[in-house]
Amino acid sequence: MLKAVLADFYPLIVGLALAVAIYALRERRKQRSRIAPERPDLTIAEAWEICSARFASDFSDAVREEAARSLTEPEDLLALRQQIVRNAAMALYLEAILKLGETERQALLKGYQNGMEPLVRGAIGVSTVRWQVLREYGRLKYDDAAPEDWFHQYMEIAAPYIGEKVQSARAFLIELDQGAARLVEIYDELLRDLETQLLKSRRKKRFVPPDLVRA
């Protein structure tokens, strides 16, 4: 008898459970996409104070001082994103160049001389500190930082593009490969298009990881 009664209510129970699951999923998505800045009045100087302690063990005093001195207050969210991309791209370019030999580095970096690798690594550190502080500033002031957001998408796609562009530039300058010059132009166009697209994306939008797109 009890089994028969439960059987009658089984579709209702399943329906309620499904409704609860759908509601929870919608609420979770709503919370993830809701824009609610923690510190809308935050200044870049305050953001530096919040972040500076975390860099103490990873970067030298000189790197941190240069990064702090060169940070400027972005006018708005777009200007902030542009600063983040500019610093992240600089770090990616320099990292790619340091994978090459001294001769290639001299061809690709104006003024570079043998033994300057520590200076280049210092420049990478400065750019890295800048974009990390700016990302935290954006998170607190604009709620513009989330997993798989525009910045993560940029880094995932731009890093291999920049690596290939540097290799093409090396082939053109060292091997005098004329076809490589066109490849440099193509990667420049791809990087510009990527930046233009992502800088306009809405806050907290999640992008499919590039590996899944290619798959």
Protein backbone atom coordinates (compact mmCIF):
# COMPACT_ATOMS: atom_id res chain seq x y z
CA MET A 1 0.00 0.00 0.00
CA LEU A 2 2.78 2.40 0.99
CA LYS A 3 4.68 1.58 -2.18
CA ALA A 4 1.62 2.35 -4.25
CA VAL A 5 1.18 5.74 -2.54
CA LEU A 6 4.87 6.61 -3.05
CA ALA A 7 4.61 5.55 -6.67
CA ASP A 8 1.78 8.02 -7.17
CA PHE A 9 3.88 10.83 -5.70
CA TYR A 10 7.12 9.88 -7.45
CA PRO A 11 6.59 12.10 -10.55
CA LEU A 12 5.77 15.04 -8.27
CA ILE A 13 8.89 14.46 -6.16
CA VAL A 14 11.07 14.25 -9.25
CA GLY A 15 9.48 17.39 -10.66
CA LEU A 16 10.09 19.32 -7.44
CA ALA A 17 13.69 18.14 -7.24
CA LEU A 18 14.28 19.22 -10.84
CA ALA A 19 12.68 22.62 -10.18
CA VAL A 20 14.93 23.14 -7.14
CA ALA A 21 18.02 22.19 -9.13
CA ILE A 22 17.11 24.57 -11.96
CA TYR A 23 16.44 27.39 -9.49
CA ALA A 24 19.79 26.80 -7.73
CA LEU A 25 21.61 26.79 -11.07
CA ARG A 26 19.94 30.04 -12.13
CA GLU A 27 20.77 31.69 -8.81
CA ARG A 28 24.38 30.59 -9.05
CA ARG A 29 24.66 31.98 -12.57
CA LYS A 30 22.97 35.19 -11.47
CA GLN A 31 25.41 35.62 -8.59
CA ARG A 32 28.39 34.98 -10.87
CA SER A 33 27.26 37.57 -13.41
CA ARG A 34 26.01 40.19 -10.93
CA ILE A 35 28.15 43.34 -10.95
CA ALA A 36 28.78 44.53 -7.41
CA PRO A 37 32.12 46.37 -6.88
CA GLU A 38 33.54 46.07 -3.38
CA ARG A 39 35.42 49.41 -3.47
CA PRO A 40 33.93 51.72 -6.14
CA ASP A 41 35.90 54.68 -4.76
CA LEU A 42 39.24 52.86 -4.74
CA THR A 43 42.33 54.70 -6.03
CA ILE A 44 45.29 53.10 -7.76
CA ALA A 45 47.49 54.12 -4.79
CA GLU A 46 45.18 52.24 -2.43
CA ALA A 47 45.22 49.23 -4.74
CA TRP A 48 49.02 49.26 -4.61
CA GLU A 49 48.97 49.26 -0.82
CA ILE A 50 46.62 46.28 -0.85
CA CYS A 51 48.80 44.33 -3.29
CA SER A 52 52.33 45.35 -2.39
CA ALA A 53 52.82 42.84 0.43
CA ARG A 54 52.15 39.85 -1.81
CA PHE A 55 55.03 40.85 -4.14
CA ALA A 56 57.68 41.08 -1.41
CA SER A 57 58.90 37.49 -1.82
CA ASP A 58 58.57 37.32 -5.62
CA PHE A 59 60.12 40.58 -6.84
CA SER A 60 63.07 42.73 -5.83
CA ASP A 61 62.71 46.11 -4.17
CA ALA A 62 63.86 47.80 -7.38
CA VAL A 63 61.17 46.06 -9.44
CA ARG A 64 58.44 46.91 -6.95
CA GLU A 65 59.57 50.54 -6.67
CA GLU A 66 59.63 51.00 -10.45
CA ALA A 67 56.20 49.37 -10.81
CA ALA A 68 54.72 51.60 -8.10
CA ARG A 69 56.28 54.74 -9.60
CA SER A 70 54.92 54.06 -13.08
CA LEU A 71 51.33 53.14 -12.18
CA THR A 72 48.80 55.77 -13.19
CA GLU A 73 45.12 56.20 -12.40
CA PRO A 74 43.00 54.89 -15.32
CA GLU A 75 40.23 57.22 -16.48
CA ASP A 76 37.63 54.48 -16.85
CA LEU A 77 37.19 50.74 -17.29
CA LEU A 78 38.32 50.73 -20.93
CA ALA A 79 41.50 52.65 -20.09
CA LEU A 80 42.13 50.22 -17.24
CA ARG A 81 41.80 47.21 -19.53
CA GLN A 82 44.11 48.83 -22.06
CA GLN A 83 46.77 49.32 -19.38
CA ILE A 84 46.40 45.69 -18.26
CA VAL A 85 46.79 44.39 -21.81
CA ARG A 86 49.74 46.68 -22.56
CA ASN A 87 51.67 45.44 -19.53
CA ALA A 88 50.72 41.79 -19.97
CA ALA A 89 51.73 41.88 -23.64
CA MET A 90 55.07 43.49 -22.77
CA ALA A 91 55.84 40.66 -20.35
CA LEU A 92 54.85 38.06 -22.95
CA TYR A 93 57.05 39.65 -25.65
CA LEU A 94 60.09 39.84 -23.39
CA GLU A 95 59.61 36.28 -22.16
CA ALA A 96 59.45 35.05 -25.76
CA ILE A 97 62.60 36.97 -26.70
CA LEU A 98 64.54 35.56 -23.73
CA LYS A 99 63.95 32.07 -25.12
CA LEU A 100 66.27 33.02 -27.99
CA GLY A 101 70.04 33.36 -28.07
CA GLU A 102 72.07 36.51 -27.49
CA THR A 103 72.40 37.30 -31.21
CA GLU A 104 68.64 37.10 -31.76
CA ARG A 105 67.99 39.20 -28.67
CA GLN A 106 70.26 41.95 -29.99
CA ALA A 107 68.36 41.94 -33.29
CA LEU A 108 64.94 42.08 -31.64
CA LEU A 109 65.62 44.37 -28.67
CA LYS A 110 67.04 47.80 -29.45
CA GLY A 111 70.04 48.53 -27.26
CA TYR A 112 70.36 44.98 -25.97
CA GLN A 113 73.90 43.77 -25.32
CA ASN A 114 75.37 40.50 -24.08
CA GLY A 115 74.71 39.99 -20.39
CA MET A 116 71.60 42.18 -20.19
CA GLU A 117 69.26 39.29 -19.42
CA PRO A 118 68.87 40.30 -15.73
CA LEU A 119 67.70 43.76 -16.85
CA VAL A 120 65.16 42.20 -19.21
CA ARG A 121 63.91 39.92 -16.45
CA GLY A 122 63.57 42.99 -14.26
CA ALA A 123 61.43 44.64 -16.96
CA ILE A 124 59.28 41.51 -17.12
CA GLY A 125 58.85 41.75 -13.36
CA VAL A 126 57.80 45.40 -13.54
CA SER A 127 55.19 44.69 -16.23
CA THR A 128 53.91 41.66 -14.33
CA VAL A 129 53.53 43.59 -11.08
CA ARG A 130 51.71 46.37 -12.94
CA TRP A 131 49.12 44.12 -14.58
CA GLN A 132 48.54 42.19 -11.37
CA VAL A 133 47.92 45.39 -9.39
CA LEU A 134 45.67 46.72 -12.15
CA ARG A 135 43.70 43.48 -12.21
CA GLU A 136 43.11 43.71 -8.47
CA TYR A 137 42.18 47.38 -8.85
CA GLY A 138 39.67 46.39 -11.53
CA ARG A 139 38.24 43.63 -9.38
CA LEU A 140 37.65 45.90 -6.40
CA LYS A 141 36.61 49.08 -8.22
CA TYR A 142 34.67 47.67 -11.18
CA ASP A 143 34.09 44.01 -10.28
CA ASP A 144 35.98 43.26 -13.50
CA ALA A 145 37.80 40.04 -12.69
CA ALA A 146 36.41 36.52 -12.83
CA PRO A 147 37.54 33.00 -13.82
CA GLU A 148 37.71 32.53 -17.59
CA ASP A 149 36.97 36.22 -18.23
CA TRP A 150 38.32 38.48 -20.96
CA PHE A 151 41.82 38.69 -19.47
CA HIS A 152 42.29 34.94 -19.13
CA GLN A 153 41.10 34.56 -22.71
CA TYR A 154 43.58 37.20 -23.86
CA MET A 155 46.51 35.52 -22.12
CA GLU A 156 45.60 32.06 -23.44
CA ILE A 157 45.40 33.24 -27.04
CA ALA A 158 47.95 36.09 -27.10
CA ALA A 159 50.82 34.08 -25.61
CA PRO A 160 51.17 31.65 -28.55
CA TYR A 161 50.48 34.42 -31.07
CA ILE A 162 53.27 36.52 -29.59
CA GLY A 163 55.60 33.52 -29.46
CA GLU A 164 55.03 32.85 -33.16
CA LYS A 165 55.39 36.53 -34.04
CA VAL A 166 58.75 36.70 -32.27
CA GLN A 167 59.94 33.59 -34.10
CA SER A 168 58.83 35.08 -37.42
CA ALA A 169 60.61 38.36 -36.64
CA ARG A 170 63.76 36.37 -35.82
CA ALA A 171 63.53 34.52 -39.15
CA PHE A 172 63.14 37.80 -41.03
CA LEU A 173 65.98 39.65 -39.27
CA ILE A 174 68.49 36.81 -38.89
CA GLU A 175 67.73 34.52 -41.83
CA LEU A 176 66.44 37.28 -44.14
CA ASP A 177 63.30 35.21 -44.76
CA GLN A 178 61.03 37.62 -46.65
CA GLY A 179 57.98 35.43 -46.12
CA ALA A 180 58.41 35.76 -42.36
CA ALA A 181 57.73 39.51 -42.59
CA ARG A 182 54.21 38.76 -43.79
CA LEU A 183 53.71 36.38 -40.88
CA VAL A 184 54.68 39.17 -38.48
CA GLU A 185 52.01 41.37 -40.06
CA ILE A 186 49.42 38.58 -39.79
CA TYR A 187 50.12 38.05 -36.09
CA ASP A 188 49.95 41.81 -35.54
CA GLU A 189 46.50 41.84 -37.11
CA LEU A 190 45.37 38.84 -35.05
CA LEU A 191 46.56 40.46 -31.83
CA ARG A 192 44.85 43.76 -32.65
CA ASP A 193 41.58 42.00 -33.44
CA LEU A 194 41.82 39.93 -30.25
CA GLU A 195 42.42 43.02 -28.11
CA THR A 196 39.62 45.01 -29.77
CA GLN A 197 37.13 42.20 -29.28
CA LEU A 198 37.99 41.38 -25.69
CA LEU A 199 38.31 44.96 -24.40
CA LYS A 200 34.66 45.51 -25.34
CA SER A 201 33.35 42.35 -23.68
CA ARG A 202 30.97 42.67 -20.76
CA ARG A 203 32.22 42.29 -17.24
CA LYS A 204 32.39 38.74 -15.81
CA LYS A 205 31.55 37.18 -19.15
CA ARG A 206 33.01 33.67 -19.28
CA PHE A 207 34.80 32.50 -22.42
CA VAL A 208 35.27 28.94 -23.57
CA PRO A 209 38.95 28.00 -23.13
CA PRO A 210 40.75 28.07 -26.50
CA ASP A 211 41.75 24.39 -26.26
CA LEU A 212 38.08 23.40 -26.11
CA VAL A 213 37.29 25.64 -29.07
CA ARG A 214 40.03 23.98 -31.13
CA ALA A 215 38.87 20.53 -30.06
